[in-house]
Amino acid sequence: MFTGIVEGPGEIVDVTDTDGGRRLRIRTDLAFDDLHHGQSIAVSGVCLTVEAFGDDWFEVFLAAETVEKTYLGDVVAGDRVNLERALAADDRFDGHIVQGHVDGTTTVTNVERVGDDWFFEFDLPESLANYVVQKGSVCLDGISLTVADRREDSFAVAIIPTTYDLTTLSEKAVGDPIHVEVDVVAKYVESMLDGYAERLVAE
């Protein structure tokens, strides 16, 4: 499990495509002194497993489904990604519950600076519309954010300078893809309500 509090950026330094998927080598200046084989790391919001590592790099493998459902199938050497290690049992919980299971991708439709902050607007895929609500939580490229504006086919978030500077949002422009993971609590609520409705119908 993750919290959506990005620890910092990493840089793709090597990409190897195989019949079964894609392998990425990611370099980071972060102090990941506890890296080990099998560790979970969110790479721009996608939960991946460390297969190999060195002093300032690690490698992960993208299965075919991950390549299909995320934009990591299109990254190249030189691209930057957001990194967060899995939450330890005794860590502080500063974001919201993030699984690293991306629900889909959306597109940046507008970027506007408002004072010291930034306002990012995105398309809202119909399949995710029920889970994105005003002032609710959403995870974008691994970043825990609050929905500042919700319209019929779009939503927006306000980005403070620290988030803008420490994540890859500073490199995003209109038309760029963004990973979306909706709040898992909303999914559980929907599932429970669906079950309740079915029982009412049956009675």
Protein backbone atom coordinates (compact mmCIF):
# COMPACT_ATOMS: atom_id res chain seq x y z
CA MET A 1 0.00 0.00 0.00
CA PHE A 2 1.08 3.58 -0.70
CA THR A 3 -0.04 7.02 0.43
CA GLY A 4 0.45 9.13 -2.67
CA ILE A 5 3.17 11.20 -0.98
CA VAL A 6 5.84 11.09 -3.67
CA GLU A 7 9.37 10.82 -2.30
CA GLY A 8 10.95 12.33 -5.40
CA PRO A 9 11.73 11.76 -9.06
CA GLY A 10 13.56 9.03 -10.89
CA GLU A 11 14.93 9.00 -14.43
CA ILE A 12 14.48 6.22 -16.97
CA VAL A 13 18.01 5.32 -18.08
CA ASP A 14 17.35 2.11 -20.02
CA VAL A 15 14.37 0.39 -21.62
CA THR A 16 14.33 -3.22 -22.82
CA ASP A 17 11.29 -4.57 -24.68
CA THR A 18 10.68 -8.32 -24.57
CA ASP A 19 8.00 -10.69 -25.87
CA GLY A 20 6.40 -10.75 -22.42
CA GLY A 21 6.58 -7.08 -21.51
CA ARG A 22 9.07 -4.34 -20.81
CA ARG A 23 11.96 -3.82 -18.40
CA LEU A 24 12.86 -0.36 -17.08
CA ARG A 25 16.04 0.71 -15.34
CA ILE A 26 15.44 3.79 -13.20
CA ARG A 27 18.11 5.98 -11.67
CA THR A 28 17.39 8.02 -8.55
CA ASP A 29 19.30 10.36 -6.26
CA LEU A 30 16.94 9.50 -3.40
CA ALA A 31 18.42 7.72 -0.39
CA PHE A 32 16.83 4.33 -1.07
CA ASP A 33 19.27 2.54 1.23
CA ASP A 34 16.77 -0.22 2.00
CA LEU A 35 16.20 -1.41 -1.57
CA HIS A 36 15.87 -5.16 -1.92
CA HIS A 37 14.68 -7.74 -4.41
CA GLY A 38 10.89 -8.06 -4.39
CA GLN A 39 10.26 -4.62 -2.89
CA SER A 40 7.22 -2.72 -4.14
CA ILE A 41 7.72 0.76 -5.58
CA ALA A 42 5.10 3.01 -7.13
CA VAL A 43 6.45 4.37 -10.42
CA SER A 44 4.24 7.31 -11.39
CA GLY A 45 1.46 5.58 -9.50
CA VAL A 46 2.00 2.06 -10.88
CA CYS A 47 2.93 -0.57 -8.29
CA LEU A 48 5.97 -2.46 -9.61
CA THR A 49 8.42 -4.96 -8.13
CA VAL A 50 12.17 -4.41 -7.83
CA GLU A 51 14.01 -7.15 -9.73
CA ALA A 52 17.56 -5.79 -9.53
CA PHE A 53 19.24 -2.74 -8.02
CA GLY A 54 22.50 -0.90 -7.49
CA ASP A 55 23.72 2.10 -5.52
CA ASP A 56 21.59 4.62 -7.43
CA TRP A 57 19.34 2.55 -9.70
CA PHE A 58 16.81 -0.26 -9.76
CA GLU A 59 15.03 -2.33 -12.40
CA VAL A 60 11.35 -3.26 -12.70
CA PHE A 61 9.45 -5.36 -15.19
CA LEU A 62 6.17 -4.37 -16.81
CA ALA A 63 3.91 -7.28 -17.71
CA ALA A 64 1.92 -7.05 -20.93
CA GLU A 65 -1.21 -5.90 -19.05
CA THR A 66 0.72 -3.06 -17.40
CA VAL A 67 2.13 -1.98 -20.76
CA GLU A 68 -1.39 -1.99 -22.19
CA LYS A 69 -3.13 -0.12 -19.35
CA THR A 70 -0.50 2.53 -18.51
CA TYR A 71 1.64 4.96 -20.46
CA LEU A 72 4.83 3.33 -19.12
CA GLY A 73 4.80 1.34 -22.34
CA ASP A 74 5.73 4.56 -24.12
CA VAL A 75 8.42 6.02 -21.84
CA VAL A 76 11.97 6.31 -23.16
CA ALA A 77 15.39 6.93 -21.67
CA GLY A 78 15.53 10.43 -20.25
CA ASP A 79 11.90 10.54 -19.13
CA ARG A 80 11.28 11.23 -15.44
CA VAL A 81 8.86 9.39 -13.15
CA ASN A 82 7.51 9.86 -9.62
CA LEU A 83 8.72 7.38 -7.00
CA GLU A 84 7.26 6.19 -3.70
CA ARG A 85 8.21 3.12 -1.70
CA ALA A 86 5.47 1.06 -0.07
CA LEU A 87 4.19 2.25 3.30
CA ALA A 88 5.89 0.70 6.33
CA ALA A 89 3.66 -0.39 9.21
CA ASP A 90 5.04 2.31 11.53
CA ASP A 91 5.06 5.16 8.97
CA ARG A 92 2.94 8.29 9.18
CA PHE A 93 -0.10 8.27 6.90
CA ASP A 94 -0.07 11.71 5.25
CA GLY A 95 -1.95 11.09 1.98
CA HIS A 96 -4.77 8.65 1.31
CA ILE A 97 -5.01 4.91 0.65
CA VAL A 98 -3.30 4.24 -2.68
CA GLN A 99 -2.91 0.71 -4.04
CA GLY A 100 -0.77 1.41 -7.08
CA HIS A 101 -3.43 -0.25 -9.25
CA VAL A 102 -4.01 2.35 -11.95
CA ASP A 103 -7.65 2.56 -13.03
CA GLY A 104 -6.85 4.25 -16.32
CA THR A 105 -5.18 7.20 -17.96
CA THR A 106 -6.49 10.65 -18.69
CA THR A 107 -5.16 13.70 -20.52
CA VAL A 108 -4.11 17.14 -19.35
CA THR A 109 -6.52 19.67 -20.87
CA ASN A 110 -5.38 22.88 -19.21
CA VAL A 111 -2.51 24.18 -17.07
CA GLU A 112 -2.81 27.60 -15.47
CA ARG A 113 -0.71 29.41 -12.91
CA VAL A 114 -2.75 31.10 -10.18
CA GLY A 115 -0.53 33.19 -7.91
CA ASP A 116 2.09 30.83 -6.48
CA ASP A 117 -0.03 27.74 -7.21
CA TRP A 118 -0.94 25.84 -10.35
CA PHE A 119 -4.32 24.68 -11.62
CA PHE A 120 -4.34 21.47 -13.67
CA GLU A 121 -7.46 20.30 -15.51
CA PHE A 122 -8.02 16.80 -16.92
CA ASP A 123 -10.50 14.86 -19.00
CA LEU A 124 -12.79 12.69 -16.87
CA PRO A 125 -13.28 9.25 -18.44
CA GLU A 126 -16.89 8.10 -18.18
CA SER A 127 -15.78 4.84 -16.56
CA LEU A 128 -14.28 6.77 -13.61
CA ALA A 129 -16.84 9.55 -13.28
CA ASN A 130 -18.74 7.92 -10.39
CA TYR A 131 -15.60 7.83 -8.24
CA VAL A 132 -14.37 11.41 -8.66
CA VAL A 133 -16.19 13.90 -6.43
CA GLN A 134 -15.72 17.50 -5.38
CA LYS A 135 -13.15 17.71 -2.53
CA GLY A 136 -12.57 13.96 -2.76
CA SER A 137 -9.21 12.24 -3.09
CA VAL A 138 -7.65 11.14 -6.36
CA CYS A 139 -4.20 9.81 -7.20
CA LEU A 140 -2.58 11.27 -10.34
CA ASP A 141 0.77 9.84 -11.45
CA GLY A 142 1.20 8.57 -7.91
CA ILE A 143 0.41 11.91 -6.24
CA SER A 144 -2.34 12.11 -3.63
CA LEU A 145 -4.45 15.15 -4.56
CA THR A 146 -7.80 16.73 -3.74
CA VAL A 147 -10.37 17.40 -6.45
CA ALA A 148 -10.76 21.18 -6.55
CA ASP A 149 -13.36 21.27 -9.32
CA ARG A 150 -15.61 18.57 -10.78
CA ARG A 151 -17.59 19.04 -13.96
CA GLU A 152 -19.54 16.64 -16.13
CA ASP A 153 -16.61 15.55 -18.27
CA SER A 154 -13.57 17.05 -16.53
CA PHE A 155 -11.99 17.65 -13.14
CA ALA A 156 -9.23 19.83 -11.79
CA VAL A 157 -6.71 19.93 -8.95
CA ALA A 158 -4.77 22.77 -7.36
CA ILE A 159 -1.03 22.18 -7.05
CA ILE A 160 1.07 23.91 -4.40
CA PRO A 161 4.68 24.93 -5.24
CA THR A 162 6.23 22.05 -3.26
CA THR A 163 4.25 19.42 -5.18
CA TYR A 164 4.93 21.18 -8.47
CA ASP A 165 8.68 21.31 -7.83
CA LEU A 166 9.16 17.82 -6.40
CA THR A 167 7.11 15.82 -8.92
CA THR A 168 6.88 15.43 -12.67
CA LEU A 169 3.80 17.65 -12.85
CA SER A 170 6.16 20.53 -13.60
CA GLU A 171 6.95 18.78 -16.90
CA LYS A 172 3.36 18.09 -17.94
CA ALA A 173 1.67 20.05 -20.71
CA VAL A 174 -1.71 20.02 -22.41
CA GLY A 175 -2.18 16.70 -24.21
CA ASP A 176 0.15 14.70 -21.95
CA PRO A 177 -1.13 11.46 -20.36
CA ILE A 178 -1.65 11.04 -16.61
CA HIS A 179 -2.27 7.85 -14.62
CA VAL A 180 -5.45 7.91 -12.55
CA GLU A 181 -6.26 5.82 -9.49
CA VAL A 182 -9.57 6.69 -7.88
CA ASP A 183 -10.23 6.44 -4.16
CA VAL A 184 -10.62 2.75 -3.29
CA VAL A 185 -13.09 3.69 -0.53
CA ALA A 186 -15.50 4.88 -3.24
CA LYS A 187 -15.25 1.49 -4.93
CA TYR A 188 -16.06 -0.33 -1.69
CA VAL A 189 -19.04 1.93 -1.05
CA GLU A 190 -20.35 1.27 -4.56
CA SER A 191 -19.89 -2.47 -4.12
CA MET A 192 -21.77 -2.47 -0.80
CA LEU A 193 -24.61 -0.35 -2.18
CA ASP A 194 -24.91 -2.59 -5.24
CA GLY A 195 -25.20 -5.61 -2.97
CA TYR A 196 -27.80 -3.85 -0.83
CA ALA A 197 -29.83 -2.91 -3.92
CA GLU A 198 -29.74 -6.50 -5.17
CA ARG A 199 -31.04 -7.76 -1.84
CA LEU A 200 -33.89 -5.24 -1.92
CA VAL A 201 -34.86 -6.39 -5.41
CA ALA A 202 -34.73 -10.03 -4.33
CA GLU A 203 -37.02 -9.32 -1.39
